[in-house]
Amino acid sequence: MFDWMVWTTPTAVFFVCIVLMLAVMTVWEIRSPTVLRKGFLPMATTRGDRLFIGLLVAAYINLAFLGLGETFMEWFALDEEPSVWISFVLSMGVLALIMRKA
């Protein structure tokens, strides 16, 4: 069924992390209902809003990293494209920042 998609380890880890975040957020919401909060975003957000915004930003970071892989090879004189683990760590860091400060 999934023959059309290349399931590499980073891809699987990324999707497992998303599923785990959704599960944790569901339990957290049941145990402690969220309240609107205003952070650095120009609107009041709930935890779910911040998670959604953070996941979108994480996806864009990963897509940009994949799209710029060959450019990074030229800029930094690398022998091969940089590892997608770099974009994964960067995107999860940005997601954590958005969840904490937004």
N, C-alpha and C. Protein backbone atom coordinates (compact mmCIF):
# COMPACT_ATOMS: atom_id res chain seq x y z
N MET A 1 0.81 -1.19 0.00
CA MET A 1 0.00 0.00 0.00
C MET A 1 0.87 1.27 0.00
N PHE A 2 2.00 1.23 0.69
CA PHE A 2 2.86 2.40 0.78
C PHE A 2 4.10 2.27 -0.09
N ASP A 3 4.03 1.48 -1.15
CA ASP A 3 5.18 1.29 -2.02
C ASP A 3 5.60 2.56 -2.74
N TRP A 4 4.68 3.48 -2.94
CA TRP A 4 4.98 4.71 -3.67
C TRP A 4 5.79 5.68 -2.83
N MET A 5 5.84 5.47 -1.51
CA MET A 5 6.52 6.42 -0.64
C MET A 5 7.81 5.81 -0.09
N VAL A 6 8.85 6.60 -0.06
CA VAL A 6 10.12 6.15 0.48
C VAL A 6 10.11 6.42 1.98
N TRP A 7 10.00 5.37 2.78
CA TRP A 7 9.98 5.51 4.23
C TRP A 7 11.40 5.37 4.76
N THR A 8 12.07 6.48 4.87
CA THR A 8 13.39 6.48 5.46
C THR A 8 13.23 6.63 6.97
N THR A 9 14.30 6.40 7.69
CA THR A 9 14.24 6.54 9.15
C THR A 9 13.85 7.95 9.57
N PRO A 10 14.45 9.01 9.00
CA PRO A 10 14.03 10.36 9.40
C PRO A 10 12.54 10.64 9.12
N THR A 11 12.03 10.13 8.00
CA THR A 11 10.62 10.33 7.68
C THR A 11 9.74 9.64 8.72
N ALA A 12 10.07 8.41 9.05
CA ALA A 12 9.30 7.68 10.04
C ALA A 12 9.35 8.36 11.41
N VAL A 13 10.53 8.82 11.81
CA VAL A 13 10.67 9.50 13.11
C VAL A 13 9.84 10.78 13.12
N PHE A 14 9.86 11.53 12.03
CA PHE A 14 9.09 12.77 11.94
C PHE A 14 7.60 12.50 12.14
N PHE A 15 7.06 11.51 11.44
CA PHE A 15 5.63 11.21 11.56
C PHE A 15 5.28 10.59 12.91
N VAL A 16 6.15 9.78 13.46
CA VAL A 16 5.91 9.22 14.81
C VAL A 16 5.87 10.35 15.83
N CYS A 17 6.76 11.32 15.70
CA CYS A 17 6.76 12.47 16.62
C CYS A 17 5.45 13.26 16.51
N ILE A 18 4.95 13.44 15.31
CA ILE A 18 3.68 14.15 15.15
C ILE A 18 2.54 13.39 15.81
N VAL A 19 2.48 12.09 15.60
CA VAL A 19 1.42 11.28 16.22
C VAL A 19 1.53 11.34 17.74
N LEU A 20 2.74 11.23 18.27
CA LEU A 20 2.92 11.30 19.72
C LEU A 20 2.53 12.67 20.27
N MET A 21 2.87 13.74 19.55
CA MET A 21 2.48 15.08 19.99
C MET A 21 0.97 15.23 20.03
N LEU A 22 0.29 14.72 19.02
CA LEU A 22 -1.18 14.80 19.01
C LEU A 22 -1.79 14.01 20.16
N ALA A 23 -1.24 12.84 20.45
CA ALA A 23 -1.74 12.04 21.56
C ALA A 23 -1.51 12.74 22.89
N VAL A 24 -0.31 13.27 23.09
CA VAL A 24 0.00 13.98 24.34
C VAL A 24 -0.87 15.22 24.49
N MET A 25 -1.06 15.96 23.39
CA MET A 25 -1.89 17.16 23.45
C MET A 25 -3.34 16.82 23.78
N THR A 26 -3.84 15.69 23.28
CA THR A 26 -5.21 15.28 23.59
C THR A 26 -5.35 14.97 25.07
N VAL A 27 -4.43 14.20 25.62
CA VAL A 27 -4.48 13.88 27.05
C VAL A 27 -4.32 15.13 27.89
N TRP A 28 -3.40 16.01 27.51
CA TRP A 28 -3.17 17.26 28.24
C TRP A 28 -4.42 18.13 28.23
N GLU A 29 -5.11 18.19 27.10
CA GLU A 29 -6.32 19.01 27.00
C GLU A 29 -7.44 18.44 27.88
N ILE A 30 -7.53 17.14 27.95
CA ILE A 30 -8.55 16.51 28.79
C ILE A 30 -8.25 16.76 30.26
N ARG A 31 -6.99 16.64 30.64
CA ARG A 31 -6.61 16.82 32.05
C ARG A 31 -6.60 18.28 32.49
N SER A 32 -6.21 19.18 31.57
CA SER A 32 -6.09 20.59 31.91
C SER A 32 -6.54 21.44 30.72
N PRO A 33 -7.82 21.83 30.69
CA PRO A 33 -8.30 22.61 29.54
C PRO A 33 -7.49 23.89 29.33
N THR A 34 -7.30 24.22 28.08
CA THR A 34 -6.45 25.36 27.71
C THR A 34 -7.19 26.69 27.85
N VAL A 35 -6.42 27.76 27.96
CA VAL A 35 -6.96 29.11 27.98
C VAL A 35 -6.24 29.91 26.89
N LEU A 36 -6.90 30.94 26.39
CA LEU A 36 -6.25 31.79 25.39
C LEU A 36 -5.07 32.53 26.02
N ARG A 37 -4.00 32.65 25.25
CA ARG A 37 -2.80 33.33 25.72
C ARG A 37 -2.21 34.14 24.58
N LYS A 38 -1.69 35.30 24.90
CA LYS A 38 -1.07 36.16 23.88
C LYS A 38 0.44 36.13 24.09
N GLY A 39 1.15 35.68 23.08
CA GLY A 39 2.60 35.66 23.12
C GLY A 39 3.15 36.59 22.05
N PHE A 40 4.19 36.14 21.33
CA PHE A 40 4.77 36.99 20.30
C PHE A 40 3.97 36.98 19.00
N LEU A 41 3.00 36.06 18.87
CA LEU A 41 2.14 36.09 17.70
C LEU A 41 1.12 37.21 17.85
N PRO A 42 0.65 37.77 16.75
CA PRO A 42 -0.27 38.92 16.85
C PRO A 42 -1.71 38.55 17.17
N MET A 43 -1.91 37.39 17.80
CA MET A 43 -3.26 36.95 18.16
C MET A 43 -3.18 36.07 19.39
N ALA A 44 -4.29 35.97 20.10
CA ALA A 44 -4.36 35.05 21.24
C ALA A 44 -4.51 33.64 20.70
N THR A 45 -3.78 32.69 21.30
CA THR A 45 -3.80 31.32 20.81
C THR A 45 -4.00 30.34 21.96
N THR A 46 -4.48 29.16 21.62
CA THR A 46 -4.57 28.06 22.57
C THR A 46 -3.39 27.12 22.30
N ARG A 47 -3.25 26.10 23.13
CA ARG A 47 -2.17 25.12 22.89
C ARG A 47 -2.33 24.46 21.53
N GLY A 48 -3.56 24.11 21.18
CA GLY A 48 -3.80 23.48 19.89
C GLY A 48 -3.45 24.38 18.72
N ASP A 49 -3.77 25.67 18.84
CA ASP A 49 -3.40 26.63 17.80
C ASP A 49 -1.89 26.69 17.64
N ARG A 50 -1.20 26.76 18.76
CA ARG A 50 0.26 26.85 18.72
C ARG A 50 0.87 25.57 18.14
N LEU A 51 0.29 24.42 18.46
CA LEU A 51 0.79 23.16 17.89
C LEU A 51 0.59 23.16 16.38
N PHE A 52 -0.58 23.57 15.92
CA PHE A 52 -0.85 23.59 14.49
C PHE A 52 0.11 24.54 13.77
N ILE A 53 0.27 25.74 14.30
CA ILE A 53 1.19 26.71 13.69
C ILE A 53 2.62 26.17 13.70
N GLY A 54 3.01 25.57 14.82
CA GLY A 54 4.36 25.00 14.93
C GLY A 54 4.59 23.86 13.96
N LEU A 55 3.59 23.00 13.76
CA LEU A 55 3.74 21.90 12.81
C LEU A 55 3.84 22.41 11.37
N LEU A 56 3.08 23.46 11.06
CA LEU A 56 3.20 24.06 9.73
C LEU A 56 4.60 24.63 9.51
N VAL A 57 5.11 25.34 10.49
CA VAL A 57 6.46 25.92 10.38
C VAL A 57 7.49 24.80 10.26
N ALA A 58 7.33 23.73 11.05
CA ALA A 58 8.26 22.60 10.98
C ALA A 58 8.24 21.96 9.59
N ALA A 59 7.07 21.82 9.01
CA ALA A 59 6.97 21.23 7.67
C ALA A 59 7.66 22.13 6.65
N TYR A 60 7.45 23.44 6.75
CA TYR A 60 8.09 24.36 5.81
C TYR A 60 9.61 24.35 5.96
N ILE A 61 10.10 24.25 7.19
CA ILE A 61 11.55 24.19 7.40
C ILE A 61 12.12 22.94 6.75
N ASN A 62 11.46 21.80 6.95
CA ASN A 62 11.95 20.55 6.36
C ASN A 62 11.89 20.59 4.84
N LEU A 63 10.81 21.13 4.29
CA LEU A 63 10.71 21.23 2.82
C LEU A 63 11.77 22.16 2.25
N ALA A 64 11.99 23.28 2.90
CA ALA A 64 13.01 24.22 2.44
C ALA A 64 14.39 23.58 2.50
N PHE A 65 14.66 22.85 3.57
CA PHE A 65 15.96 22.19 3.72
C PHE A 65 16.17 21.17 2.60
N LEU A 66 15.12 20.39 2.30
CA LEU A 66 15.24 19.41 1.22
C LEU A 66 15.44 20.10 -0.13
N GLY A 67 14.71 21.18 -0.34
CA GLY A 67 14.82 21.90 -1.61
C GLY A 67 16.15 22.59 -1.80
N LEU A 68 16.78 23.00 -0.72
CA LEU A 68 18.05 23.73 -0.79
C LEU A 68 19.27 22.84 -0.58
N GLY A 69 19.08 21.52 -0.53
CA GLY A 69 20.19 20.60 -0.27
C GLY A 69 21.35 20.76 -1.22
N GLU A 70 21.07 20.82 -2.53
CA GLU A 70 22.15 20.98 -3.51
C GLU A 70 22.80 22.34 -3.39
N THR A 71 22.02 23.36 -3.08
CA THR A 71 22.58 24.70 -2.89
C THR A 71 23.51 24.72 -1.70
N PHE A 72 23.13 24.05 -0.61
CA PHE A 72 24.00 23.97 0.56
C PHE A 72 25.31 23.27 0.21
N MET A 73 25.23 22.24 -0.66
CA MET A 73 26.46 21.56 -1.08
C MET A 73 27.42 22.53 -1.75
N GLU A 74 26.89 23.41 -2.60
CA GLU A 74 27.73 24.38 -3.29
C GLU A 74 28.24 25.45 -2.34
N TRP A 75 27.36 26.00 -1.52
CA TRP A 75 27.74 27.08 -0.61
C TRP A 75 28.83 26.66 0.37
N PHE A 76 28.68 25.46 0.93
CA PHE A 76 29.59 25.02 1.99
C PHE A 76 30.63 24.01 1.49
N ALA A 77 30.72 23.80 0.18
CA ALA A 77 31.68 22.88 -0.44
C ALA A 77 31.62 21.50 0.20
N LEU A 78 30.41 20.95 0.28
CA LEU A 78 30.21 19.62 0.87
C LEU A 78 30.30 18.55 -0.21
N ASP A 79 30.68 17.34 0.18
CA ASP A 79 30.75 16.22 -0.76
C ASP A 79 29.37 15.65 -1.06
N GLU A 80 28.46 15.76 -0.10
CA GLU A 80 27.10 15.25 -0.29
C GLU A 80 26.12 16.19 0.40
N GLU A 81 24.84 15.99 0.10
CA GLU A 81 23.82 16.86 0.71
C GLU A 81 23.82 16.69 2.22
N PRO A 82 23.56 17.76 2.97
CA PRO A 82 23.53 17.64 4.42
C PRO A 82 22.39 16.73 4.87
N SER A 83 22.56 16.13 6.02
CA SER A 83 21.60 15.18 6.55
C SER A 83 20.28 15.87 6.90
N VAL A 84 19.18 15.17 6.65
CA VAL A 84 17.87 15.72 7.01
C VAL A 84 17.67 15.75 8.52
N TRP A 85 18.54 15.09 9.25
CA TRP A 85 18.45 15.17 10.72
C TRP A 85 18.68 16.60 11.20
N ILE A 86 19.46 17.36 10.45
CA ILE A 86 19.70 18.76 10.82
C ILE A 86 18.40 19.54 10.76
N SER A 87 17.65 19.37 9.68
CA SER A 87 16.37 20.09 9.56
C SER A 87 15.36 19.57 10.57
N PHE A 88 15.42 18.28 10.90
CA PHE A 88 14.50 17.72 11.90
C PHE A 88 14.75 18.36 13.26
N VAL A 89 15.99 18.43 13.67
CA VAL A 89 16.33 19.03 14.96
C VAL A 89 15.97 20.52 14.97
N LEU A 90 16.28 21.21 13.89
CA LEU A 90 15.95 22.63 13.78
C LEU A 90 14.44 22.84 13.84
N SER A 91 13.67 22.04 13.11
CA SER A 91 12.22 22.22 13.10
C SER A 91 11.59 21.88 14.45
N MET A 92 12.10 20.87 15.13
CA MET A 92 11.56 20.54 16.46
C MET A 92 11.92 21.63 17.47
N GLY A 93 13.08 22.25 17.31
CA GLY A 93 13.45 23.37 18.18
C GLY A 93 12.54 24.56 17.97
N VAL A 94 12.23 24.87 16.70
CA VAL A 94 11.32 25.98 16.40
C VAL A 94 9.92 25.66 16.92
N LEU A 95 9.50 24.41 16.77
CA LEU A 95 8.19 23.99 17.29
C LEU A 95 8.13 24.18 18.81
N ALA A 96 9.18 23.79 19.50
CA ALA A 96 9.23 23.95 20.97
C ALA A 96 9.18 25.44 21.33
N LEU A 97 9.90 26.27 20.58
CA LEU A 97 9.87 27.72 20.84
C LEU A 97 8.46 28.30 20.65
N ILE A 98 7.80 27.89 19.59
CA ILE A 98 6.44 28.37 19.34
C ILE A 98 5.49 27.90 20.44
N MET A 99 5.62 26.66 20.84
CA MET A 99 4.73 26.14 21.90
C MET A 99 4.97 26.86 23.21
N ARG A 100 6.20 27.23 23.49
CA ARG A 100 6.54 27.83 24.77
C ARG A 100 6.27 29.35 24.82
N LYS A 101 6.64 30.05 23.74
CA LYS A 101 6.63 31.51 23.78
C LYS A 101 5.49 32.18 23.03
N ALA A 102 4.82 31.47 22.13
CA ALA A 102 3.78 32.11 21.30
C ALA A 102 2.47 32.25 22.04
